Amino acid sequence: MLILHTDAMPAVYKSQRDRTAIAQWCSKVLAGADFPLSTTTIDSSTGRIHLTSAGVGPPRIVVLPGTGFNAATTLPWLRALSSRWPTTVVDLPGQPGLSDPNRPRRARLPWYGRVVDEVLSSTEMDSVVLVGNSLGAAVALAAGSPRIAGRVLVSPAGFIRLRVDPRVALASALWLLRPSAAHTRDILRWLVAPGAEPPETEVEWMTLLATGCRTTLAPPPLPADLLARRAESPCAVGVGMHDRFLPPRQLAAAVRSTMGAELRIFSGMGHLTTPAHVTEVVDLVAEVAGPGEG
C-alpha cells in the first residue's frame, strides 16, 4: 500500500516550537493518567503514528478522535472503554498530538481511511470495532480493512455537511485570531448543552491548539455508495440532542437513508462529548462490540 508522504504536504503546526509545546502537553497528560497506559509508535508510509492503549489483551476497540483531538484529550473515553474491552487510541497524523504532523491538501478522508487500514495491518489488530468521534467517525467510515468487525460513530461527520451558525462563526474567528481562555470558553459553550460549562481540560487544550495549530475545514459527506457498503457490517450511530453542528433530525434522516440505521440521540449532550456522557458512548459501543468484561 502506497501513501505518499512529501514535504509538499502541509503540517498542522505553525512552527516547530508549537509542535514541541503540543507534544509536551500531550506527554504530560498521558504520564499523569490515573489508570495504566501503554504507548507505542509505529513507522508507516505516512510517517510515525502514536498509539495509546489500555486494558489487558489484544485491542478490541480502536478509537479515532475528532478534529484537533488525540489520546491525551480522549482519556475519559479510554478509561471507560478499556474497563470493558482492551482499547487503543490512534493519534491521527496531520492532527495535533504525537503523530506525524503532515496531511494532504486534498482528498483527506480517503487518505485517512488508508492510514487506519495500514495501522491495523502493521499492528496485526484483528476483528476490531472502530469508535470514531466527529472527524474520526468519517475516517472510520472511509477505512475499509477486512480487520474491521464493526463501527460506532459518535457525533459523526461524513453523513451531512456541518451547519455553522453565524454566532458560532464569530466566536470561532475570535478564538482563532485572539487565543485566550475566555475566547475558548465562548466557542466551547456552543459545543456543549445549553447552560453547561465546558470542562477546564478542554479549555486549556483548545487555547493551546488555537495558539499553535492551523485549522482544518470540516470534512464533506462521504459518497452514498460507500456508506451503503459500510452498512453491510455492524454499525451504531449516536449524536447529542443539542448538537448545533449536526442537527439530530437532519442527521437521522441521512443515517437512515444511507445505512438503514436508526440514530441514537443522547439527551443533555452537545457536539462535544464531555466526561459526563462517556457512559452513553460505552453503552453504544456495547451494541456492536458485545458486553465486554464490565
Protein backbone atom coordinates (compact mmCIF):
# COMPACT_ATOMS: atom_id res chain seq x y z
CA MET A 1 0.00 0.00 0.00
CA LEU A 2 1.45 3.38 -1.01
CA ILE A 3 0.52 6.58 0.82
CA LEU A 4 2.57 9.50 -0.41
CA HIS A 5 4.42 11.49 2.23
CA THR A 6 6.22 14.55 0.86
CA ASP A 7 7.49 17.90 2.01
CA ALA A 8 4.64 19.45 -0.02
CA MET A 9 2.13 18.12 2.50
CA PRO A 10 1.19 20.92 4.91
CA ALA A 11 1.86 20.50 8.62
CA VAL A 12 -0.75 21.13 11.30
CA TYR A 13 1.63 23.26 13.41
CA LYS A 14 2.54 26.88 12.82
CA SER A 15 6.14 26.32 13.94
CA GLN A 16 8.49 23.73 15.40
CA ARG A 17 8.15 25.49 18.74
CA ASP A 18 4.37 24.97 18.62
CA ARG A 19 4.87 21.29 17.76
CA THR A 20 7.11 20.89 20.79
CA ALA A 21 4.60 22.63 23.07
CA ILE A 22 1.77 20.36 21.89
CA ALA A 23 3.90 17.23 22.30
CA GLN A 24 4.93 18.26 25.81
CA TRP A 25 1.32 18.92 26.83
CA CYS A 26 0.15 15.55 25.48
CA SER A 27 3.03 13.63 27.03
CA LYS A 28 2.45 15.28 30.42
CA VAL A 29 -1.28 14.45 30.37
CA LEU A 30 -0.65 10.81 29.39
CA ALA A 31 2.05 10.47 32.07
CA GLY A 32 -0.40 11.78 34.68
CA ALA A 33 -3.22 9.35 33.80
CA ASP A 34 -4.79 7.70 36.85
CA PHE A 35 -5.05 4.28 35.16
CA PRO A 36 -2.42 2.07 33.47
CA LEU A 37 -1.47 3.00 29.90
CA SER A 38 0.97 1.71 27.34
CA THR A 39 2.20 3.71 24.37
CA THR A 40 3.95 2.81 21.16
CA THR A 41 4.89 4.47 17.91
CA ILE A 42 4.78 2.67 14.58
CA ASP A 43 6.53 3.65 11.37
CA SER A 44 4.16 3.90 8.45
CA SER A 45 4.13 5.28 4.94
CA THR A 46 2.61 8.47 6.38
CA GLY A 47 5.36 8.87 8.98
CA ARG A 48 5.28 7.94 12.65
CA ILE A 49 1.92 7.19 14.26
CA HIS A 50 1.43 7.21 18.03
CA LEU A 51 -0.86 4.67 19.71
CA THR A 52 -2.05 4.73 23.33
CA SER A 53 -3.58 1.58 24.80
CA ALA A 54 -5.25 0.41 28.00
CA GLY A 55 -6.77 -2.87 29.11
CA VAL A 56 -5.47 -6.43 29.01
CA GLY A 57 -5.08 -8.38 25.80
CA PRO A 58 -5.18 -7.60 22.06
CA PRO A 59 -7.10 -4.40 21.27
CA ARG A 60 -10.80 -4.94 20.63
CA ILE A 61 -11.70 -1.24 20.34
CA VAL A 62 -9.79 1.33 18.25
CA VAL A 63 -10.72 4.96 18.93
CA LEU A 64 -10.32 7.62 16.22
CA PRO A 65 -10.61 11.11 17.79
CA GLY A 66 -12.19 14.16 16.22
CA THR A 67 -10.55 17.22 14.67
CA GLY A 68 -7.89 18.66 16.94
CA PHE A 69 -8.14 15.80 19.45
CA ASN A 70 -5.89 12.87 20.33
CA ALA A 71 -5.30 10.25 23.03
CA ALA A 72 -4.37 12.83 25.67
CA THR A 73 -7.64 14.70 25.19
CA THR A 74 -9.62 11.46 24.94
CA LEU A 75 -8.53 9.91 28.26
CA PRO A 76 -12.09 9.75 29.67
CA TRP A 77 -13.09 7.65 26.65
CA LEU A 78 -10.04 5.41 27.01
CA ARG A 79 -10.59 4.90 30.74
CA ALA A 80 -14.26 3.98 30.33
CA LEU A 81 -13.87 1.79 27.24
CA SER A 82 -10.80 -0.08 28.50
CA SER A 83 -12.68 -1.11 31.64
CA ARG A 84 -14.84 -3.24 29.30
CA TRP A 85 -12.62 -4.01 26.29
CA PRO A 86 -8.87 -3.65 25.52
CA THR A 87 -8.73 -0.29 23.74
CA THR A 88 -6.26 1.66 21.61
CA VAL A 89 -6.49 5.35 20.66
CA VAL A 90 -4.82 6.47 17.42
CA ASP A 91 -3.32 9.95 17.26
CA LEU A 92 -4.26 10.66 13.65
CA PRO A 93 -1.43 12.13 11.56
CA GLY A 94 -1.96 15.70 10.47
CA GLN A 95 -3.82 16.42 13.71
CA PRO A 96 -2.24 17.95 16.83
CA GLY A 97 -0.83 15.23 19.04
CA LEU A 98 2.08 12.81 18.98
CA SER A 99 1.90 11.52 15.40
CA ASP A 100 3.39 12.88 12.18
CA PRO A 101 2.14 16.46 11.64
CA ASN A 102 1.64 16.32 7.88
CA ARG A 103 -1.56 15.78 5.92
CA PRO A 104 -2.55 16.11 2.24
CA ARG A 105 -4.13 19.26 0.90
CA ARG A 106 -6.99 17.41 -0.81
CA ALA A 107 -8.86 14.08 -0.63
CA ARG A 108 -8.14 13.80 3.07
CA LEU A 109 -10.84 11.31 4.01
CA PRO A 110 -9.68 8.58 1.57
CA TRP A 111 -6.13 9.24 2.77
CA TYR A 112 -7.13 8.92 6.43
CA GLY A 113 -9.03 5.74 5.65
CA ARG A 114 -5.89 4.22 4.15
CA VAL A 115 -3.91 5.37 7.21
CA VAL A 116 -6.24 3.42 9.52
CA ASP A 117 -6.12 0.37 7.27
CA GLU A 118 -2.33 0.47 7.44
CA VAL A 119 -2.29 0.87 11.23
CA LEU A 120 -4.48 -2.23 11.62
CA SER A 121 -2.30 -4.21 9.23
CA SER A 122 1.02 -3.09 10.74
CA THR A 123 -0.08 -3.89 14.29
CA GLU A 124 -1.95 -7.05 13.27
CA MET A 125 -5.06 -5.87 15.09
CA ASP A 126 -7.96 -8.05 14.02
CA SER A 127 -11.75 -8.14 14.49
CA VAL A 128 -11.71 -4.62 15.92
CA VAL A 129 -14.56 -2.18 16.39
CA LEU A 130 -13.68 1.33 15.23
CA VAL A 131 -15.09 4.03 17.50
CA GLY A 132 -14.96 7.35 15.70
CA ASN A 133 -15.87 10.80 17.02
CA SER A 134 -16.72 13.67 14.66
CA LEU A 135 -13.88 13.65 12.05
CA GLY A 136 -12.84 10.26 13.45
CA ALA A 137 -16.27 8.87 12.57
CA ALA A 138 -15.84 9.90 8.94
CA VAL A 139 -12.37 8.32 8.99
CA ALA A 140 -13.85 5.11 10.42
CA LEU A 141 -16.31 5.05 7.51
CA ALA A 142 -13.55 5.73 4.99
CA ALA A 143 -11.44 2.83 6.30
CA GLY A 144 -12.23 -0.46 4.59
CA SER A 145 -9.87 -3.03 6.11
CA PRO A 146 -11.24 -6.58 6.46
CA ARG A 147 -9.85 -6.42 10.01
CA ILE A 148 -12.77 -4.12 10.96
CA ALA A 149 -15.63 -6.03 12.59
CA GLY A 150 -17.90 -3.03 13.14
CA ARG A 151 -18.14 0.70 13.67
CA VAL A 152 -19.53 3.03 16.34
CA LEU A 153 -19.94 6.64 15.23
CA VAL A 154 -20.44 9.47 17.72
CA SER A 155 -21.38 12.99 16.55
CA PRO A 156 -20.31 11.77 13.12
CA ALA A 157 -19.01 13.77 10.21
CA GLY A 158 -19.35 12.08 6.84
CA PHE A 159 -23.17 11.98 6.52
CA ILE A 160 -24.19 15.64 6.17
CA ARG A 161 -22.41 18.96 5.95
CA LEU A 162 -21.83 20.57 9.32
CA ARG A 163 -24.10 23.54 9.97
CA VAL A 164 -22.34 26.64 11.28
CA ASP A 165 -24.46 29.34 12.91
CA PRO A 166 -23.17 32.90 12.25
CA ARG A 167 -22.75 33.36 16.01
CA VAL A 168 -20.58 30.25 16.14
CA ALA A 169 -18.54 31.52 13.19
CA LEU A 170 -17.90 34.80 15.01
CA ALA A 171 -16.91 33.05 18.23
CA SER A 172 -14.64 30.74 16.25
CA ALA A 173 -12.95 33.66 14.50
CA LEU A 174 -12.24 35.40 17.81
CA TRP A 175 -10.91 32.16 19.29
CA LEU A 176 -8.51 31.61 16.37
CA LEU A 177 -7.38 35.23 15.94
CA ARG A 178 -7.03 36.08 19.63
CA PRO A 179 -6.48 32.84 21.55
CA SER A 180 -7.36 33.14 25.23
CA ALA A 181 -9.15 31.07 27.84
CA ALA A 182 -12.12 33.43 27.66
CA HIS A 183 -12.49 33.12 23.88
CA THR A 184 -12.04 29.36 24.13
CA ARG A 185 -14.86 29.10 26.65
CA ASP A 186 -17.05 31.17 24.34
CA ILE A 187 -16.59 28.75 21.43
CA LEU A 188 -16.82 25.64 23.61
CA ARG A 189 -20.13 26.78 25.08
CA TRP A 190 -21.57 26.23 21.61
CA LEU A 191 -20.28 22.64 21.68
CA VAL A 192 -21.96 21.63 24.95
CA ALA A 193 -25.60 21.60 26.01
CA PRO A 194 -27.27 24.98 26.71
CA GLY A 195 -26.35 26.23 30.17
CA ALA A 196 -23.48 23.75 30.61
CA GLU A 197 -19.89 24.83 31.15
CA PRO A 198 -17.07 23.17 29.17
CA PRO A 199 -14.51 21.13 31.15
CA GLU A 200 -11.36 23.04 32.08
CA THR A 201 -9.13 20.45 30.40
CA GLU A 202 -10.81 21.21 27.07
CA VAL A 203 -10.46 24.95 27.68
CA GLU A 204 -6.72 24.58 28.32
CA TRP A 205 -6.20 22.30 25.33
CA MET A 206 -8.25 24.31 22.84
CA THR A 207 -6.48 27.52 23.82
CA LEU A 208 -3.15 25.84 23.14
CA LEU A 209 -4.48 24.46 19.88
CA ALA A 210 -5.63 27.89 18.63
CA THR A 211 -2.25 29.37 19.55
CA GLY A 212 -0.08 26.86 17.75
CA CYS A 213 -2.07 24.99 15.09
CA ARG A 214 -3.57 25.60 11.68
CA THR A 215 -7.26 24.93 11.25
CA THR A 216 -8.92 22.20 9.21
CA LEU A 217 -12.22 22.57 7.42
CA ALA A 218 -14.97 20.12 8.31
CA PRO A 219 -14.96 17.01 6.11
CA PRO A 220 -17.64 16.71 3.40
CA PRO A 221 -20.24 13.92 3.25
CA LEU A 222 -18.93 10.59 2.02
CA PRO A 223 -20.29 9.01 -1.18
CA ALA A 224 -23.64 7.26 -0.75
CA ASP A 225 -22.36 4.03 -2.31
CA LEU A 226 -19.51 3.84 0.23
CA LEU A 227 -21.95 4.37 3.12
CA ALA A 228 -24.18 1.63 1.71
CA ARG A 229 -21.22 -0.77 1.69
CA ARG A 230 -20.39 0.11 5.29
CA ALA A 231 -23.96 -0.77 6.27
CA GLU A 232 -23.10 -4.40 5.46
CA SER A 233 -21.18 -4.66 8.75
CA PRO A 234 -22.48 -3.81 12.26
CA CYS A 235 -22.73 -0.08 12.94
CA ALA A 236 -24.24 2.11 15.65
CA VAL A 237 -24.58 5.89 15.40
CA GLY A 238 -25.24 8.46 18.13
CA VAL A 239 -25.41 12.24 18.47
CA GLY A 240 -26.12 14.77 21.19
CA MET A 241 -29.64 16.21 21.41
CA HIS A 242 -28.11 19.70 21.42
CA ASP A 243 -25.54 19.21 18.65
CA ARG A 244 -25.61 22.55 16.80
CA PHE A 245 -23.32 21.33 14.01
CA LEU A 246 -25.15 18.09 13.26
CA PRO A 247 -28.87 18.70 13.93
CA PRO A 248 -30.28 15.32 15.06
CA ARG A 249 -33.35 15.41 12.82
CA GLN A 250 -31.29 16.10 9.71
CA LEU A 251 -28.60 13.60 10.67
CA ALA A 252 -31.17 10.89 11.49
CA ALA A 253 -32.68 11.17 8.01
CA ALA A 254 -29.24 10.85 6.39
CA VAL A 255 -28.21 7.87 8.52
CA ARG A 256 -31.50 6.11 7.81
CA SER A 257 -31.41 6.72 4.06
CA THR A 258 -27.74 5.81 3.53
CA MET A 259 -27.22 2.97 6.01
CA GLY A 260 -30.70 1.90 7.06
CA ALA A 261 -29.76 2.58 10.69
CA GLU A 262 -31.57 4.43 13.45
CA LEU A 263 -29.80 7.32 15.16
CA ARG A 264 -29.34 7.18 18.94
CA ILE A 265 -29.88 10.63 20.49
CA PHE A 266 -28.08 11.42 23.76
CA SER A 267 -30.08 13.75 25.97
CA GLY A 268 -28.28 16.65 27.62
CA MET A 269 -25.30 16.46 25.24
CA GLY A 270 -23.98 18.80 22.56
CA HIS A 271 -21.37 18.13 19.87
CA LEU A 272 -18.63 17.74 22.46
CA THR A 273 -18.78 14.51 24.44
CA THR A 274 -17.84 15.59 27.96
CA PRO A 275 -16.83 13.07 30.66
CA ALA A 276 -20.42 13.17 31.97
CA HIS A 277 -21.64 11.45 28.78
CA VAL A 278 -18.92 8.86 28.21
CA THR A 279 -21.11 6.16 29.80
CA GLU A 280 -23.59 6.64 26.98
CA VAL A 281 -20.79 6.15 24.47
CA VAL A 282 -19.83 2.89 26.22
CA ASP A 283 -23.43 1.68 26.02
CA LEU A 284 -23.50 2.45 22.30
CA VAL A 285 -20.21 0.57 21.77
CA ALA A 286 -21.65 -2.45 23.60
CA GLU A 287 -24.36 -2.69 20.95
CA VAL A 288 -21.66 -3.55 18.40
CA ALA A 289 -18.79 -4.99 20.48
CA GLY A 290 -20.84 -7.04 22.94
CA PRO A 291 -20.93 -6.63 26.73
CA GLY A 292 -17.18 -6.93 27.37
CA GLU A 293 -15.87 -7.51 30.88
CA GLY A 294 -17.87 -4.85 32.75
